[in-house]
Amino acid sequence: MAVSLGGVELHETMYLKRPYRFSRLAGIHRRSIGGRLLVHQGMQILGEPMDLVGKATLSQLESLRALEDSGGDMALVYNGTTFTVRFRVPEYPHVAFDRVEDVTGGDDDGDWYYGVVKLVTV
């Protein structure tokens, strides 16, 4: 299974975590001074939030951070399906990874990082 984001090839174990339910309809409610219930609803401008979760090498992580700095729309190819996505702006950091420590004492095959890339469809 190939996973790439904005031309950056990611590790094959990265998986897409999507919310159970998603609706483009958003609404808020509040009370007026007189006590009436006011409801405002409309369509969300941006689309479905999704997280790309898994492990990455240091070079992949540096490439993701460079994408984060450039901003804009990019293509996410996941399991043969292409999405147009961008980073979720209010949730910073967009690329959040922690180093995985080897505690087994075995042969280390490089530095690995585990974390999440926070995206939203356009």
PDB file of N, CA and C in Angstrom:
ATOM      1  N   MET A   1       0.847  -1.171   0.000  1.00  0.00           N
ATOM      2  CA  MET A   1       0.000   0.000   0.000  1.00  0.00           C
ATOM      3  C   MET A   1       0.896   1.237   0.000  1.00  0.00           C
ATOM      4  N   ALA A   2       0.743   2.062  -1.003  1.00  0.00           N
ATOM      5  CA  ALA A   2       1.563   3.260  -1.127  1.00  0.00           C
ATOM      6  C   ALA A   2       0.856   4.451  -0.486  1.00  0.00           C
ATOM      7  N   VAL A   3       1.638   5.220   0.263  1.00  0.00           N
ATOM      8  CA  VAL A   3       1.118   6.426   0.908  1.00  0.00           C
ATOM      9  C   VAL A   3       2.062   7.569   0.569  1.00  0.00           C
ATOM     10  N   SER A   4       1.516   8.648   0.008  1.00  0.00           N
ATOM     11  CA  SER A   4       2.343   9.816  -0.259  1.00  0.00           C
ATOM     12  C   SER A   4       1.523  11.075   0.007  1.00  0.00           C
ATOM     13  N   LEU A   5       2.212  12.093   0.453  1.00  0.00           N
ATOM     14  CA  LEU A   5       1.588  13.378   0.759  1.00  0.00           C
ATOM     15  C   LEU A   5       2.410  14.477   0.115  1.00  0.00           C
ATOM     16  N   GLY A   6       1.827  15.173  -0.855  1.00  0.00           N
ATOM     17  CA  GLY A   6       2.527  16.266  -1.529  1.00  0.00           C
ATOM     18  C   GLY A   6       3.800  15.828  -2.202  1.00  0.00           C
ATOM     19  N   GLY A   7       3.834  14.602  -2.710  1.00  0.00           N
ATOM     20  CA  GLY A   7       5.023  14.077  -3.374  1.00  0.00           C
ATOM     21  C   GLY A   7       6.023  13.416  -2.446  1.00  0.00           C
ATOM     22  N   VAL A   8       5.781  13.421  -1.144  1.00  0.00           N
ATOM     23  CA  VAL A   8       6.670  12.782  -0.178  1.00  0.00           C
ATOM     24  C   VAL A   8       6.169  11.356   0.058  1.00  0.00           C
ATOM     25  N   GLU A   9       6.985  10.376  -0.293  1.00  0.00           N
ATOM     26  CA  GLU A   9       6.621   8.979  -0.064  1.00  0.00           C
ATOM     27  C   GLU A   9       6.764   8.665   1.420  1.00  0.00           C
ATOM     28  N   LEU A  10       5.693   8.156   2.037  1.00  0.00           N
ATOM     29  CA  LEU A  10       5.693   7.848   3.462  1.00  0.00           C
ATOM     30  C   LEU A  10       5.744   6.344   3.679  1.00  0.00           C
ATOM     31  N   HIS A  11       5.985   5.954   4.912  1.00  0.00           N
ATOM     32  CA  HIS A  11       6.095   4.538   5.241  1.00  0.00           C
ATOM     33  C   HIS A  11       4.763   3.834   5.009  1.00  0.00           C
ATOM     34  N   GLU A  12       4.830   2.609   4.554  1.00  0.00           N
ATOM     35  CA  GLU A  12       3.617   1.863   4.189  1.00  0.00           C
ATOM     36  C   GLU A  12       2.713   1.538   5.375  1.00  0.00           C
ATOM     37  N   THR A  13       3.222   1.669   6.594  1.00  0.00           N
ATOM     38  CA  THR A  13       2.389   1.377   7.762  1.00  0.00           C
ATOM     39  C   THR A  13       1.562   2.582   8.212  1.00  0.00           C
ATOM     40  N   MET A  14       1.738   3.729   7.563  1.00  0.00           N
ATOM     41  CA  MET A  14       0.917   4.902   7.911  1.00  0.00           C
ATOM     42  C   MET A  14      -0.526   4.591   7.543  1.00  0.00           C
ATOM     43  N   TYR A  15      -1.438   4.941   8.430  1.00  0.00           N
ATOM     44  CA  TYR A  15      -2.856   4.699   8.152  1.00  0.00           C
ATOM     45  C   TYR A  15      -3.652   5.969   8.342  1.00  0.00           C
ATOM     46  N   LEU A  16      -4.797   6.013   7.684  1.00  0.00           N
ATOM     47  CA  LEU A  16      -5.664   7.180   7.699  1.00  0.00           C
ATOM     48  C   LEU A  16      -6.730   6.998   8.759  1.00  0.00           C
ATOM     49  N   LYS A  17      -6.740   7.907   9.723  1.00  0.00           N
ATOM     50  CA  LYS A  17      -7.723   7.871  10.804  1.00  0.00           C
ATOM     51  C   LYS A  17      -8.753   8.951  10.512  1.00  0.00           C
ATOM     52  N   ARG A  18      -9.991   8.505  10.277  1.00  0.00           N
ATOM     53  CA  ARG A  18     -11.061   9.434   9.939  1.00  0.00           C
ATOM     54  C   ARG A  18     -12.122   9.390  11.022  1.00  0.00           C
ATOM     55  N   PRO A  19     -12.818  10.497  11.225  1.00  0.00           N
ATOM     56  CA  PRO A  19     -13.877  10.489  12.236  1.00  0.00           C
ATOM     57  C   PRO A  19     -14.992   9.526  11.851  1.00  0.00           C
ATOM     58  N   TYR A  20     -15.679   9.012  12.863  1.00  0.00           N
ATOM     59  CA  TYR A  20     -16.743   8.047  12.621  1.00  0.00           C
ATOM     60  C   TYR A  20     -17.859   8.659  11.784  1.00  0.00           C
ATOM     61  N   ARG A  21     -18.277   9.839  12.139  1.00  0.00           N
ATOM     62  CA  ARG A  21     -19.319  10.546  11.389  1.00  0.00           C
ATOM     63  C   ARG A  21     -18.832  11.935  11.050  1.00  0.00           C
ATOM     64  N   PHE A  22     -19.179  12.377   9.853  1.00  0.00           N
ATOM     65  CA  PHE A  22     -18.799  13.714   9.435  1.00  0.00           C
ATOM     66  C   PHE A  22     -19.926  14.311   8.614  1.00  0.00           C
ATOM     67  N   SER A  23     -20.238  15.547   8.876  1.00  0.00           N
ATOM     68  CA  SER A  23     -21.247  16.268   8.122  1.00  0.00           C
ATOM     69  C   SER A  23     -20.698  17.639   7.783  1.00  0.00           C
ATOM     70  N   ARG A  24     -20.927  18.085   6.553  1.00  0.00           N
ATOM     71  CA  ARG A  24     -20.492  19.432   6.162  1.00  0.00           C
ATOM     72  C   ARG A  24     -21.390  20.503   6.770  1.00  0.00           C
ATOM     73  N   LEU A  25     -22.521  20.103   7.332  1.00  0.00           N
ATOM     74  CA  LEU A  25     -23.429  21.052   7.950  1.00  0.00           C
ATOM     75  C   LEU A  25     -22.944  21.363   9.366  1.00  0.00           C
ATOM     76  N   ALA A  26     -22.767  22.631   9.645  1.00  0.00           N
ATOM     77  CA  ALA A  26     -22.321  23.047  10.977  1.00  0.00           C
ATOM     78  C   ALA A  26     -23.355  24.003  11.556  1.00  0.00           C
ATOM     79  N   GLY A  27     -23.490  23.978  12.850  1.00  0.00           N
ATOM     80  CA  GLY A  27     -24.453  24.865  13.476  1.00  0.00           C
ATOM     81  C   GLY A  27     -24.033  25.268  14.873  1.00  0.00           C
ATOM     82  N   ILE A  28     -24.519  26.414  15.286  1.00  0.00           N
ATOM     83  CA  ILE A  28     -24.312  26.864  16.662  1.00  0.00           C
ATOM     84  C   ILE A  28     -25.659  27.329  17.204  1.00  0.00           C
ATOM     85  N   HIS A  29     -25.798  27.280  18.498  1.00  0.00           N
ATOM     86  CA  HIS A  29     -27.028  27.781  19.107  1.00  0.00           C
ATOM     87  C   HIS A  29     -26.661  28.590  20.348  1.00  0.00           C
ATOM     88  N   ARG A  30     -27.518  29.546  20.642  1.00  0.00           N
ATOM     89  CA  ARG A  30     -27.335  30.379  21.823  1.00  0.00           C
ATOM     90  C   ARG A  30     -28.677  31.005  22.176  1.00  0.00           C
ATOM     91  N   ARG A  31     -28.748  31.635  23.305  1.00  0.00           N
ATOM     92  CA  ARG A  31     -29.975  32.283  23.780  1.00  0.00           C
ATOM     93  C   ARG A  31     -29.866  33.793  23.582  1.00  0.00           C
ATOM     94  N   SER A  32     -30.969  34.386  23.200  1.00  0.00           N
ATOM     95  CA  SER A  32     -31.009  35.840  23.082  1.00  0.00           C
ATOM     96  C   SER A  32     -31.188  36.440  24.474  1.00  0.00           C
ATOM     97  N   ILE A  33     -31.122  37.760  24.557  1.00  0.00           N
ATOM     98  CA  ILE A  33     -31.313  38.437  25.838  1.00  0.00           C
ATOM     99  C   ILE A  33     -32.707  38.132  26.387  1.00  0.00           C
ATOM    100  N   GLY A  34     -33.688  38.007  25.502  1.00  0.00           N
ATOM    101  CA  GLY A  34     -35.053  37.702  25.920  1.00  0.00           C
ATOM    102  C   GLY A  34     -35.295  36.237  26.222  1.00  0.00           C
ATOM    103  N   GLY A  35     -34.299  35.387  25.993  1.00  0.00           N
ATOM    104  CA  GLY A  35     -34.429  33.974  26.314  1.00  0.00           C
ATOM    105  C   GLY A  35     -34.778  33.076  25.139  1.00  0.00           C
ATOM    106  N   ARG A  36     -34.950  33.629  23.954  1.00  0.00           N
ATOM    107  CA  ARG A  36     -35.257  32.807  22.787  1.00  0.00           C
ATOM    108  C   ARG A  36     -34.034  32.010  22.355  1.00  0.00           C
ATOM    109  N   LEU A  37     -34.307  30.839  21.795  1.00  0.00           N
ATOM    110  CA  LEU A  37     -33.233  30.011  21.257  1.00  0.00           C
ATOM    111  C   LEU A  37     -32.943  30.454  19.831  1.00  0.00           C
ATOM    112  N   LEU A  38     -31.696  30.829  19.566  1.00  0.00           N
ATOM    113  CA  LEU A  38     -31.252  31.228  18.231  1.00  0.00           C
ATOM    114  C   LEU A  38     -30.363  30.134  17.672  1.00  0.00           C
ATOM    115  N   VAL A  39     -30.683  29.673  16.477  1.00  0.00           N
ATOM    116  CA  VAL A  39     -29.898  28.619  15.833  1.00  0.00           C
ATOM    117  C   VAL A  39     -29.397  29.144  14.495  1.00  0.00           C
ATOM    118  N   HIS A  40     -28.087  29.065  14.276  1.00  0.00           N
ATOM    119  CA  HIS A  40     -27.468  29.433  13.008  1.00  0.00           C
ATOM    120  C   HIS A  40     -26.805  28.192  12.448  1.00  0.00           C
ATOM    121  N   GLN A  41     -27.080  27.918  11.180  1.00  0.00           N
ATOM    122  CA  GLN A  41     -26.437  26.765  10.571  1.00  0.00           C
ATOM    123  C   GLN A  41     -26.018  27.103   9.153  1.00  0.00           C
ATOM    124  N   GLY A  42     -25.034  26.375   8.675  1.00  0.00           N
ATOM    125  CA  GLY A  42     -24.536  26.592   7.322  1.00  0.00           C
ATOM    126  C   GLY A  42     -23.540  25.519   6.944  1.00  0.00           C
ATOM    127  N   MET A  43     -23.052  25.604   5.727  1.00  0.00           N
ATOM    128  CA  MET A  43     -22.088  24.627   5.230  1.00  0.00           C
ATOM    129  C   MET A  43     -20.674  25.029   5.651  1.00  0.00           C
ATOM    130  N   GLN A  44     -19.885  24.032   6.032  1.00  0.00           N
ATOM    131  CA  GLN A  44     -18.487  24.291   6.368  1.00  0.00           C
ATOM    132  C   GLN A  44     -17.704  24.554   5.087  1.00  0.00           C
ATOM    133  N   ILE A  45     -16.775  25.481   5.167  1.00  0.00           N
ATOM    134  CA  ILE A  45     -15.969  25.814   3.995  1.00  0.00           C
ATOM    135  C   ILE A  45     -14.983  24.689   3.705  1.00  0.00           C
ATOM    136  N   LEU A  46     -14.275  24.241   4.721  1.00  0.00           N
ATOM    137  CA  LEU A  46     -13.335  23.141   4.534  1.00  0.00           C
ATOM    138  C   LEU A  46     -14.036  21.826   4.802  1.00  0.00           C
ATOM    139  N   GLY A  47     -13.416  20.755   4.415  1.00  0.00           N
ATOM    140  CA  GLY A  47     -14.066  19.462   4.463  1.00  0.00           C
ATOM    141  C   GLY A  47     -13.756  18.631   5.681  1.00  0.00           C
ATOM    142  N   GLU A  48     -13.633  17.363   5.435  1.00  0.00           N
ATOM    143  CA  GLU A  48     -13.520  16.353   6.478  1.00  0.00           C
ATOM    144  C   GLU A  48     -12.132  16.348   7.122  1.00  0.00           C
ATOM    145  N   PRO A  49     -12.077  16.423   8.451  1.00  0.00           N
ATOM    146  CA  PRO A  49     -10.773  16.292   9.107  1.00  0.00           C
ATOM    147  C   PRO A  49     -10.302  14.847   9.060  1.00  0.00           C
ATOM    148  N   MET A  50      -9.014  14.653   8.869  1.00  0.00           N
ATOM    149  CA  MET A  50      -8.443  13.309   8.872  1.00  0.00           C
ATOM    150  C   MET A  50      -7.013  13.377   9.382  1.00  0.00           C
ATOM    151  N   ASP A  51      -6.608  12.318  10.058  1.00  0.00           N
ATOM    152  CA  ASP A  51      -5.254  12.220  10.589  1.00  0.00           C
ATOM    153  C   ASP A  51      -4.518  11.099   9.886  1.00  0.00           C
ATOM    154  N   LEU A  52      -3.289  11.356   9.528  1.00  0.00           N
ATOM    155  CA  LEU A  52      -2.406  10.340   8.972  1.00  0.00           C
ATOM    156  C   LEU A  52      -1.474   9.930  10.102  1.00  0.00           C
ATOM    157  N   VAL A  53      -1.619   8.685  10.575  1.00  0.00           N
ATOM    158  CA  VAL A  53      -0.937   8.228  11.781  1.00  0.00           C
ATOM    159  C   VAL A  53       0.019   7.089  11.430  1.00  0.00           C
ATOM    160  N   GLY A  54       1.194   7.095  12.065  1.00  0.00           N
ATOM    161  CA  GLY A  54       2.124   5.992  11.859  1.00  0.00           C
ATOM    162  C   GLY A  54       3.556   6.413  12.080  1.00  0.00           C
ATOM    163  N   LYS A  55       4.462   5.608  11.526  1.00  0.00           N
ATOM    164  CA  LYS A  55       5.885   5.875  11.743  1.00  0.00           C
ATOM    165  C   LYS A  55       6.532   6.436  10.489  1.00  0.00           C
ATOM    166  N   ALA A  56       7.614   7.173  10.706  1.00  0.00           N
ATOM    167  CA  ALA A  56       8.344   7.809   9.618  1.00  0.00           C
ATOM    168  C   ALA A  56       9.820   7.868   9.974  1.00  0.00           C
ATOM    169  N   THR A  57      10.643   7.932   8.956  1.00  0.00           N
ATOM    170  CA  THR A  57      12.073   8.102   9.172  1.00  0.00           C
ATOM    171  C   THR A  57      12.365   9.588   9.353  1.00  0.00           C
ATOM    172  N   LEU A  58      13.582   9.891   9.738  1.00  0.00           N
ATOM    173  CA  LEU A  58      13.975  11.277   9.942  1.00  0.00           C
ATOM    174  C   LEU A  58      13.889  12.075   8.643  1.00  0.00           C
ATOM    175  N   SER A  59      14.315  11.491   7.535  1.00  0.00           N
ATOM    176  CA  SER A  59      14.256  12.219   6.255  1.00  0.00           C
ATOM    177  C   SER A  59      12.805  12.482   5.839  1.00  0.00           C
ATOM    178  N   GLN A  60      11.905  11.511   6.069  1.00  0.00           N
ATOM    179  CA  GLN A  60      10.486  11.728   5.767  1.00  0.00           C
ATOM    180  C   GLN A  60       9.908  12.825   6.651  1.00  0.00           C
ATOM    181  N   LEU A  61      10.296  12.823   7.915  1.00  0.00           N
ATOM    182  CA  LEU A  61       9.817  13.841   8.854  1.00  0.00           C
ATOM    183  C   LEU A  61      10.288  15.233   8.446  1.00  0.00           C
ATOM    184  N   GLU A  62      11.532  15.356   8.022  1.00  0.00           N
ATOM    185  CA  GLU A  62      12.041  16.644   7.566  1.00  0.00           C
ATOM    186  C   GLU A  62      11.306  17.116   6.314  1.00  0.00           C
ATOM    187  N   SER A  63      10.973  16.184   5.415  1.00  0.00           N
ATOM    188  CA  SER A  63      10.214  16.541   4.212  1.00  0.00           C
ATOM    189  C   SER A  63       8.800  16.988   4.573  1.00  0.00           C
ATOM    190  N   LEU A  64       8.179  16.335   5.558  1.00  0.00           N
ATOM    191  CA  LEU A  64       6.843  16.739   6.007  1.00  0.00           C
ATOM    192  C   LEU A  64       6.869  18.127   6.643  1.00  0.00           C
ATOM    193  N   ARG A  65       7.914  18.410   7.400  1.00  0.00           N
ATOM    194  CA  ARG A  65       8.029  19.736   8.018  1.00  0.00           C
ATOM    195  C   ARG A  65       8.256  20.814   6.962  1.00  0.00           C
ATOM    196  N   ALA A  66       8.958  20.481   5.876  1.00  0.00           N
ATOM    197  CA  ALA A  66       9.130  21.435   4.774  1.00  0.00           C
ATOM    198  C   ALA A  66       7.786  21.695   4.090  1.00  0.00           C
ATOM    199  N   LEU A  67       6.968  20.649   3.937  1.00  0.00           N
ATOM    200  CA  LEU A  67       5.616  20.823   3.396  1.00  0.00           C
ATOM    201  C   LEU A  67       4.777  21.708   4.303  1.00  0.00           C
ATOM    202  N   GLU A  68       4.939  21.527   5.606  1.00  0.00           N
ATOM    203  CA  GLU A  68       4.196  22.315   6.586  1.00  0.00           C
ATOM    204  C   GLU A  68       4.529  23.801   6.440  1.00  0.00           C
ATOM    205  N   ASP A  69       5.782  24.104   6.187  1.00  0.00           N
ATOM    206  CA  ASP A  69       6.200  25.499   6.023  1.00  0.00           C
ATOM    207  C   ASP A  69       5.686  26.095   4.721  1.00  0.00           C
ATOM    208  N   SER A  70       5.575  25.275   3.666  1.00  0.00           N
ATOM    209  CA  SER A  70       5.130  25.795   2.375  1.00  0.00           C
ATOM    210  C   SER A  70       3.629  26.058   2.342  1.00  0.00           C
ATOM    211  N   GLY A  71       2.833  25.236   3.058  1.00  0.00           N
ATOM    212  CA  GLY A  71       1.378  25.435   3.112  1.00  0.00           C
ATOM    213  C   GLY A  71       0.716  25.145   1.779  1.00  0.00           C
ATOM    214  N   GLY A  72      -0.566  25.500   1.675  1.00  0.00           N
ATOM    215  CA  GLY A  72      -1.302  25.307   0.425  1.00  0.00           C
ATOM    216  C   GLY A  72      -1.906  23.914   0.305  1.00  0.00           C
ATOM    217  N   ASP A  73      -2.593  23.697  -0.813  1.00  0.00           N
ATOM    218  CA  ASP A  73      -3.229  22.406  -1.082  1.00  0.00           C
ATOM    219  C   ASP A  73      -2.200  21.412  -1.593  1.00  0.00           C
ATOM    220  N   MET A  74      -2.413  20.142  -1.269  1.00  0.00           N
ATOM    221  CA  MET A  74      -1.518  19.089  -1.743  1.00  0.00           C
ATOM    222  C   MET A  74      -2.313  17.810  -1.946  1.00  0.00           C
ATOM    223  N   ALA A  75      -1.733  16.874  -2.647  1.00  0.00           N
ATOM    224  CA  ALA A  75      -2.391  15.597  -2.939  1.00  0.00           C
ATOM    225  C   ALA A  75      -1.958  14.554  -1.920  1.00  0.00           C
ATOM    226  N   LEU A  76      -2.935  13.865  -1.355  1.00  0.00           N
ATOM    227  CA  LEU A  76      -2.686  12.720  -0.481  1.00  0.00           C
ATOM    228  C   LEU A  76      -3.126  11.484  -1.242  1.00  0.00           C
ATOM    229  N   VAL A  77      -2.195  10.586  -1.513  1.00  0.00           N
ATOM    230  CA  VAL A  77      -2.505   9.326  -2.178  1.00  0.00           C
ATOM    231  C   VAL A  77      -2.436   8.242  -1.117  1.00  0.00           C
ATOM    232  N   TYR A  78      -3.587   7.608  -0.878  1.00  0.00           N
ATOM    233  CA  TYR A  78      -3.672   6.582   0.158  1.00  0.00           C
ATOM    234  C   TYR A  78      -4.416   5.379  -0.408  1.00  0.00           C
ATOM    235  N   ASN A  79      -3.714   4.264  -0.506  1.00  0.00           N
ATOM    236  CA  ASN A  79      -4.317   3.009  -0.949  1.00  0.00           C
ATOM    237  C   ASN A  79      -5.000   3.162  -2.310  1.00  0.00           C
ATOM    238  N   GLY A  80      -4.366   3.904  -3.222  1.00  0.00           N
ATOM    239  CA  GLY A  80      -4.900   4.094  -4.568  1.00  0.00           C
ATOM    240  C   GLY A  80      -5.936   5.194  -4.699  1.00  0.00           C
ATOM    241  N   THR A  81      -6.343   5.823  -3.609  1.00  0.00           N
ATOM    242  CA  THR A  81      -7.322   6.901  -3.633  1.00  0.00           C
ATOM    243  C   THR A  81      -6.601   8.228  -3.412  1.00  0.00           C
ATOM    244  N   THR A  82      -6.951   9.232  -4.209  1.00  0.00           N
ATOM    245  CA  THR A  82      -6.312  10.539  -4.097  1.00  0.00           C
ATOM    246  C   THR A  82      -7.269  11.541  -3.466  1.00  0.00           C
ATOM    247  N   PHE A  83      -6.794  12.240  -2.447  1.00  0.00           N
ATOM    248  CA  PHE A  83      -7.536  13.300  -1.776  1.00  0.00           C
ATOM    249  C   PHE A  83      -6.776  14.606  -1.962  1.00  0.00           C
ATOM    250  N   THR A  84      -7.488  15.711  -2.069  1.00  0.00           N
ATOM    251  CA  THR A  84      -6.862  17.031  -2.037  1.00  0.00           C
ATOM    252  C   THR A  84      -7.014  17.547  -0.614  1.00  0.00           C
ATOM    253  N   VAL A  85      -5.890  17.794   0.046  1.00  0.00           N
ATOM    254  CA  VAL A  85      -5.900  18.129   1.469  1.00  0.00           C
ATOM    255  C   VAL A  85      -5.029  19.351   1.725  1.00  0.00           C
ATOM    256  N   ARG A  86      -5.163  19.874   2.930  1.00  0.00           N
ATOM    257  CA  ARG A  86      -4.258  20.894   3.455  1.00  0.00           C
ATOM    258  C   ARG A  86      -4.141  20.654   4.954  1.00  0.00           C
ATOM    259  N   PHE A  87      -3.179  21.312   5.584  1.00  0.00           N
ATOM    260  CA  PHE A  87      -3.005  21.149   7.026  1.00  0.00           C
ATOM    261  C   PHE A  87      -4.144  21.840   7.763  1.00  0.00           C
ATOM    262  N   ARG A  88      -4.576  21.257   8.886  1.00  0.00           N
ATOM    263  CA  ARG A  88      -5.619  21.871   9.705  1.00  0.00           C
ATOM    264  C   ARG A  88      -5.015  23.055  10.445  1.00  0.00           C
ATOM    265  N   VAL A  89      -5.430  24.246  10.063  1.00  0.00           N
ATOM    266  CA  VAL A  89      -4.808  25.475  10.545  1.00  0.00           C
ATOM    267  C   VAL A  89      -4.945  25.680  12.056  1.00  0.00           C
ATOM    268  N   PRO A  90      -6.128  25.528  12.663  1.00  0.00           N
ATOM    269  CA  PRO A  90      -6.191  25.863  14.095  1.00  0.00           C
ATOM    270  C   PRO A  90      -5.444  24.881  14.989  1.00  0.00           C
ATOM    271  N   GLU A  91      -5.102  23.722  14.486  1.00  0.00           N
ATOM    272  CA  GLU A  91      -4.457  22.701  15.320  1.00  0.00           C
ATOM    273  C   GLU A  91      -2.969  22.648  15.007  1.00  0.00           C
ATOM    274  N   TYR A  92      -2.192  23.297  15.844  1.00  0.00           N
ATOM    275  CA  TYR A  92      -0.744  23.336  15.639  1.00  0.00           C
ATOM    276  C   TYR A  92      -0.064  22.539  16.736  1.00  0.00           C
ATOM    277  N   PRO A  93       0.947  21.755  16.517  1.00  0.00           N
ATOM    278  CA  PRO A  93       1.649  21.546  15.269  1.00  0.00           C
ATOM    279  C   PRO A  93       0.882  20.607  14.340  1.00  0.00           C
ATOM    280  N   HIS A  94       1.020  20.841  13.043  1.00  0.00           N
ATOM    281  CA  HIS A  94       0.342  19.995  12.065  1.00  0.00           C
ATOM    282  C   HIS A  94       1.045  18.659  11.905  1.00  0.00           C
ATOM    283  N   VAL A  95       2.347  18.658  12.094  1.00  0.00           N
ATOM    284  CA  VAL A  95       3.164  17.440  12.006  1.00  0.00           C
ATOM    285  C   VAL A  95       3.752  17.212  13.389  1.00  0.00           C
ATOM    286  N   ALA A  96       3.208  16.223  14.112  1.00  0.00           N
ATOM    287  CA  ALA A  96       3.634  15.976  15.495  1.00  0.00           C
ATOM    288  C   ALA A  96       4.145  14.539  15.619  1.00  0.00           C
ATOM    289  N   PHE A  97       5.464  14.390  15.738  1.00  0.00           N
ATOM    290  CA  PHE A  97       6.083  13.075  15.836  1.00  0.00           C
ATOM    291  C   PHE A  97       7.030  13.037  17.027  1.00  0.00           C
ATOM    292  N   ASP A  98       7.151  11.865  17.649  1.00  0.00           N
ATOM    293  CA  ASP A  98       8.098  11.623  18.729  1.00  0.00           C
ATOM    294  C   ASP A  98       9.039  10.501  18.319  1.00  0.00           C
ATOM    295  N   ARG A  99      10.275  10.594  18.776  1.00  0.00           N
ATOM    296  CA  ARG A  99      11.268   9.563  18.452  1.00  0.00           C
ATOM    297  C   ARG A  99      10.946   8.275  19.185  1.00  0.00           C
ATOM    298  N   VAL A 100      11.080   7.158  18.484  1.00  0.00           N
ATOM    299  CA  VAL A 100      10.861   5.838  19.067  1.00  0.00           C
ATOM    300  C   VAL A 100      12.218   5.309  19.525  1.00  0.00           C
ATOM    301  N   GLU A 101      12.312   5.013  20.806  1.00  0.00           N
ATOM    302  CA  GLU A 101      13.562   4.505  21.374  1.00  0.00           C
ATOM    303  C   GLU A 101      13.607   2.978  21.259  1.00  0.00           C
ATOM    304  N   ASP A 102      14.764   2.445  20.895  1.00  0.00           N
ATOM    305  CA  ASP A 102      14.950   1.006  20.823  1.00  0.00           C
ATOM    306  C   ASP A 102      15.371   0.515  22.205  1.00  0.00           C
ATOM    307  N   VAL A 103      14.485  -0.186  22.904  1.00  0.00           N
ATOM    308  CA  VAL A 103      14.783  -0.681  24.252  1.00  0.00           C
ATOM    309  C   VAL A 103      15.087  -2.172  24.260  1.00  0.00           C
ATOM    310  N   THR A 104      15.053  -2.810  23.087  1.00  0.00           N
ATOM    311  CA  THR A 104      15.287  -4.251  23.032  1.00  0.00           C
ATOM    312  C   THR A 104      16.761  -4.599  23.017  1.00  0.00           C
ATOM    313  N   GLY A 105      17.592  -3.629  22.657  1.00  0.00           N
ATOM    314  CA  GLY A 105      19.024  -3.899  22.584  1.00  0.00           C
ATOM    315  C   GLY A 105      19.424  -4.591  21.298  1.00  0.00           C
ATOM    316  N   GLY A 106      18.491  -4.776  20.382  1.00  0.00           N
ATOM    317  CA  GLY A 106      18.776  -5.433  19.101  1.00  0.00           C
ATOM    318  C   GLY A 106      19.394  -4.480  18.106  1.00  0.00           C
ATOM    319  N   ASP A 107      19.547  -4.961  16.902  1.00  0.00           N
ATOM    320  CA  ASP A 107      20.098  -4.125  15.841  1.00  0.00           C
ATOM    321  C   ASP A 107      19.108  -3.015  15.497  1.00  0.00           C
ATOM    322  N   ASP A 108      19.609  -1.806  15.481  1.00  0.00           N
ATOM    323  CA  ASP A 108      18.769  -0.661  15.160  1.00  0.00           C
ATOM    324  C   ASP A 108      18.867  -0.408  13.664  1.00  0.00           C
ATOM    325  N   ASP A 109      17.713  -0.353  12.985  1.00  0.00           N
ATOM    326  CA  ASP A 109      17.722  -0.139  11.540  1.00  0.00           C
ATOM    327  C   ASP A 109      17.484   1.329  11.188  1.00  0.00           C
ATOM    328  N   GLY A 110      17.829   2.231  12.086  1.00  0.00           N
ATOM    329  CA  GLY A 110      17.695   3.659  11.816  1.00  0.00           C
ATOM    330  C   GLY A 110      16.816   4.346  12.838  1.00  0.00           C
ATOM    331  N   ASP A 111      16.748   5.659  12.733  1.00  0.00           N
ATOM    332  CA  ASP A 111      15.907   6.433  13.633  1.00  0.00           C
ATOM    333  C   ASP A 111      14.477   6.410  13.132  1.00  0.00           C
ATOM    334  N   TRP A 112      13.562   6.027  13.996  1.00  0.00           N
ATOM    335  CA  TRP A 112      12.140   6.003  13.667  1.00  0.00           C
ATOM    336  C   TRP A 112      11.404   6.983  14.552  1.00  0.00           C
ATOM    337  N   TYR A 113      10.373   7.574  13.988  1.00  0.00           N
ATOM    338  CA  TYR A 113       9.521   8.508  14.697  1.00  0.00           C
ATOM    339  C   TYR A 113       8.079   8.060  14.516  1.00  0.00           C
ATOM    340  N   TYR A 114       7.258   8.243  15.548  1.00  0.00           N
ATOM    341  CA  TYR A 114       5.855   7.856  15.488  1.00  0.00           C
ATOM    342  C   TYR A 114       5.003   9.066  15.824  1.00  0.00           C
ATOM    343  N   GLY A 115       3.967   9.300  15.031  1.00  0.00           N
ATOM    344  CA  GLY A 115       3.135  10.465  15.298  1.00  0.00           C
ATOM    345  C   GLY A 115       1.998  10.618  14.329  1.00  0.00           C
ATOM    346  N   VAL A 116       1.573  11.881  14.170  1.00  0.00           N
ATOM    347  CA  VAL A 116       0.361  12.177  13.399  1.00  0.00           C
ATOM    348  C   VAL A 116       0.582  13.406  12.528  1.00  0.00           C
ATOM    349  N   VAL A 117      -0.048  13.389  11.347  1.00  0.00           N
ATOM    350  CA  VAL A 117      -0.121  14.545  10.468  1.00  0.00           C
ATOM    351  C   VAL A 117      -1.580  14.947  10.402  1.00  0.00           C
ATOM    352  N   LYS A 118      -1.909  16.174  10.827  1.00  0.00           N
ATOM    353  CA  LYS A 118      -3.298  16.633  10.912  1.00  0.00           C
ATOM    354  C   LYS A 118      -3.703  17.341   9.630  1.00  0.00           C
ATOM    355  N   LEU A 119      -4.682  16.752   8.930  1.00  0.00           N
ATOM    356  CA  LEU A 119      -5.097  17.251   7.629  1.00  0.00           C
ATOM    357  C   LEU A 119      -6.591  17.502   7.579  1.00  0.00           C
ATOM    358  N   VAL A 120      -7.026  18.209   6.550  1.00  0.00           N
ATOM    359  CA  VAL A 120      -8.443  18.404   6.278  1.00  0.00           C
ATOM    360  C   VAL A 120      -8.603  18.394   4.761  1.00  0.00           C
ATOM    361  N   THR A 121      -9.699  17.766   4.260  1.00  0.00           N
ATOM    362  CA  THR A 121      -9.930  17.739   2.819  1.00  0.00           C
ATOM    363  C   THR A 121     -10.394  19.105   2.344  1.00  0.00           C
ATOM    364  N   VAL A 122     -10.144  19.382   1.084  1.00  0.00           N
ATOM    365  CA  VAL A 122     -10.521  20.670   0.493  1.00  0.00           C
ATOM    366  C   VAL A 122     -11.697  20.458  -0.431  1.00  0.00           C
TER     367      VAL A 122
END
